[in-house]
Protein backbone atom coordinates (compact mmCIF):
# COMPACT_ATOMS: atom_id res chain seq x y z
CA MET A 1 147.91 79.35 113.87
CA GLY A 2 146.00 76.03 114.08
CA VAL A 3 147.21 72.70 115.49
CA ALA A 4 148.62 71.69 112.12
CA GLY A 5 150.58 74.94 111.87
CA THR A 6 151.99 74.50 115.39
CA VAL A 7 153.14 70.93 114.80
CA VAL A 8 154.57 71.70 111.38
CA GLY A 9 156.24 74.81 112.81
CA ARG A 10 157.70 72.79 115.73
CA GLU A 11 158.91 70.07 113.31
CA ALA A 12 160.52 72.73 111.14
CA THR A 13 162.36 74.37 114.05
CA GLN A 14 163.72 71.03 115.29
CA ALA A 15 164.92 69.89 111.87
CA PRO A 16 168.44 70.76 110.80
CA ALA A 17 168.56 73.64 108.37
CA VAL A 18 170.46 71.66 105.75
CA LYS A 19 167.96 68.82 105.15
CA PRO A 20 167.25 68.33 101.46
CA VAL A 21 163.71 69.24 100.28
CA ALA A 22 162.84 65.57 99.58
CA VAL A 23 163.74 64.60 103.18
CA GLN A 24 161.70 67.53 104.59
CA ALA A 25 158.65 66.45 102.58
CA ALA A 26 159.04 62.84 103.72
CA VAL A 27 159.17 63.91 107.39
CA ALA A 28 156.27 66.42 107.12
CA ALA A 29 153.83 64.15 105.24
CA PRO A 30 153.24 61.60 108.05
CA VAL A 31 152.89 64.37 110.62
CA ILE A 32 150.30 66.18 108.51
CA ASP A 33 148.39 62.93 107.98
CA GLU A 34 148.30 62.36 111.78
CA ILE A 35 147.07 65.91 112.35
CA GLU A 36 144.36 65.59 109.73
CA GLU A 37 143.17 62.33 111.32
CA ALA A 38 143.14 63.92 114.79
CA GLU A 39 141.22 66.99 113.52
CA LEU A 40 138.72 64.74 111.74
CA ALA A 41 138.16 62.69 114.91
CA ALA A 42 137.72 65.87 116.97
CA ALA A 43 135.21 67.21 114.46
CA LYS A 44 133.16 64.00 114.62
CA ILE A 45 133.04 64.16 118.43
CA ALA A 46 132.05 67.83 118.31
CA LEU A 47 129.23 67.04 115.89
CA GLU A 48 127.86 64.43 118.25
CA VAL A 49 128.22 66.46 121.45
CA ILE A 50 127.58 70.07 120.38
CA GLY A 51 125.60 69.79 117.18
CA PRO A 52 126.42 70.75 113.61
CA GLU A 53 125.28 74.39 113.86
CA LEU A 54 127.79 75.24 116.60
CA VAL A 55 130.77 73.34 115.26
CA GLN A 56 131.48 75.41 112.22
CA ASP A 57 133.94 78.20 112.87
CA VAL A 58 133.43 79.68 109.42
CA PRO A 59 130.61 82.20 109.34
CA ALA A 60 127.80 81.48 106.94
CA PRO A 61 128.04 83.52 103.77
CA ALA A 62 126.00 86.69 103.95
CA ILE A 63 122.89 86.67 101.87
CA VAL A 64 123.09 89.61 99.54
CA GLN A 65 119.77 91.05 98.50
CA PRO A 66 119.79 92.97 95.25
CA THR A 67 119.28 96.67 95.81
CA VAL A 68 116.16 97.94 94.18
CA ALA A 69 115.49 101.64 93.99
CA ALA A 70 112.36 102.45 95.91
CA GLU A 71 109.48 103.46 93.72
CA PRO A 72 108.34 106.95 94.52
CA LYS A 73 105.01 106.94 96.28
CA ALA A 74 102.23 108.56 94.33
CA ARG A 75 98.65 109.53 94.97
CA THR A 76 96.11 111.08 92.66
CA ILE A 77 93.74 113.98 93.22
CA GLU A 78 90.96 115.36 91.04
CA MET A 79 91.83 119.03 90.55
CA GLU A 80 90.64 122.08 88.70
CA VAL A 81 93.67 123.18 86.71
CA THR A 82 93.85 126.65 85.22
CA ALA A 83 96.74 128.45 83.57
CA TYR A 84 98.53 131.74 84.11
CA CYS A 85 101.52 133.73 82.95
CA ALA A 86 103.64 136.46 84.56
CA CYS A 87 101.70 139.33 83.01
CA LYS A 88 99.97 142.04 85.05
CA LYS A 89 96.56 140.71 83.99
CA CYS A 90 97.28 137.26 85.52
CA CYS A 91 99.49 138.29 88.46
CA GLY A 92 98.44 141.87 89.28
CA PRO A 93 99.99 145.28 88.78
CA LYS A 94 103.11 144.49 90.82
CA ALA A 95 104.04 141.37 88.80
CA GLN A 96 107.82 141.05 88.49
CA GLY A 97 108.28 137.45 87.33
CA ILE A 98 109.25 136.12 90.77
CA THR A 99 107.37 133.19 92.29
CA ALA A 100 106.26 132.97 95.93
CA SER A 101 109.17 130.57 96.53
CA GLY A 102 111.60 133.26 95.33
CA LYS A 103 112.45 131.58 92.02
CA HIS A 104 112.26 133.45 88.73
CA VAL A 105 109.57 132.30 86.30
CA SER A 106 112.31 131.08 83.94
CA HIS A 107 113.37 128.48 86.55
CA ASN A 108 113.11 124.93 85.16
CA ASN A 109 112.43 126.40 81.72
CA GLY A 110 109.24 127.97 83.03
CA LEU A 111 107.68 124.62 83.95
CA PHE A 112 106.13 124.84 87.42
CA VAL A 113 102.80 125.23 89.16
CA ALA A 114 101.09 127.41 91.72
CA ALA A 115 99.23 125.42 94.37
CA ASP A 116 97.52 125.65 97.74
CA LYS A 117 99.63 125.53 100.93
CA GLN A 118 98.68 121.85 101.34
CA PHE A 119 101.51 121.31 98.83
CA LYS A 120 104.91 122.43 100.11
CA PHE A 121 107.24 124.25 97.76
CA GLY A 122 109.20 121.63 95.85
CA THR A 123 106.38 119.05 95.82
CA LYS A 124 106.32 117.36 92.44
CA LEU A 125 103.07 117.05 90.54
CA LEU A 126 102.34 115.23 87.32
CA ILE A 127 99.71 117.10 85.31
CA PRO A 128 98.32 115.42 82.19
CA GLY A 129 99.03 117.51 79.09
CA TYR A 130 101.62 119.75 80.77
CA ALA A 131 105.45 119.61 80.72
CA ALA A 132 105.60 116.69 78.28
CA GLY A 133 104.45 114.26 80.97
CA LYS A 134 107.25 115.10 83.41
CA PRO A 135 106.62 115.99 87.06
CA VAL A 136 106.88 119.71 87.87
CA GLU A 137 107.50 121.48 91.16
CA VAL A 138 105.16 123.64 93.17
CA LEU A 139 106.96 127.01 93.21
CA ASP A 140 104.16 129.53 93.48
CA ARG A 141 100.99 130.41 95.38
CA GLY A 142 97.95 132.41 94.39
CA GLY A 143 95.12 134.21 96.16
CA ALA A 144 92.41 132.22 94.35
CA ILE A 145 94.22 128.89 94.58
CA LYS A 146 92.55 127.09 97.46
CA GLY A 147 91.95 123.39 98.04
CA ASN A 148 92.03 121.23 94.94
CA LYS A 149 92.85 124.02 92.52
CA LEU A 150 96.08 124.41 90.64
CA ASP A 151 97.60 126.89 88.16
CA VAL A 152 100.11 125.78 85.56
CA TYR A 153 102.55 128.40 84.33
CA PHE A 154 102.99 129.39 80.70
CA ALA A 155 105.43 131.90 79.24
CA SER A 156 102.72 133.82 77.35
CA HIS A 157 99.18 134.95 78.03
CA GLN A 158 98.06 133.34 74.74
CA GLU A 159 99.36 129.91 75.85
CA ALA A 160 97.63 130.30 79.20
CA LEU A 161 94.32 131.17 77.51
CA LYS A 162 94.70 128.20 75.17
CA TRP A 163 95.04 125.87 78.20
CA GLY A 164 91.92 127.33 79.78
CA ARG A 165 90.31 125.55 82.73
CA GLN A 166 90.38 121.76 82.97
CA LYS A 167 89.33 119.15 85.51
CA LEU A 168 92.19 116.65 85.64
CA THR A 169 93.49 113.78 87.71
CA VAL A 170 96.80 115.09 89.05
CA THR A 171 99.43 112.74 90.47
CA VAL A 172 101.35 113.86 93.55
CA VAL A 173 104.79 112.25 93.46
CA GLU A 174 106.17 111.83 97.02
């Protein structure tokens, strides 16, 4: 409780309990005026002696910065992109439709890539002309996939043949 609250509280405890409201207001008004004048004088002295930055007892309002979602980092790489499917011709005689990451080829509607170990499983790649322009995950590996080579998965051998072999600028979304 501040000085004004103490004085008003003291005045209230000393006053008889049966004073009419008009009398209470008449008694309190001059006391409050005196307190306000004393507080104003004290504030002026504090400004002169201490300085304005230390006088204020109210903390400055916090500056709120708008939250902006961080843009994902991206880098591009020139890659040789070929296509494959889950058939025995593309994946060998033991093909079972399971990727090196353990996911079935139907995962993510069959939209994923096989890449070199430089790309961890789950890395998202944006391949022009594949997956309707959406990033796809690296879920598979391949014996012939080394360095800047990549295989995009298709559900059928015909679709994979149609894709063929392309040199593309692939975006790695990090």
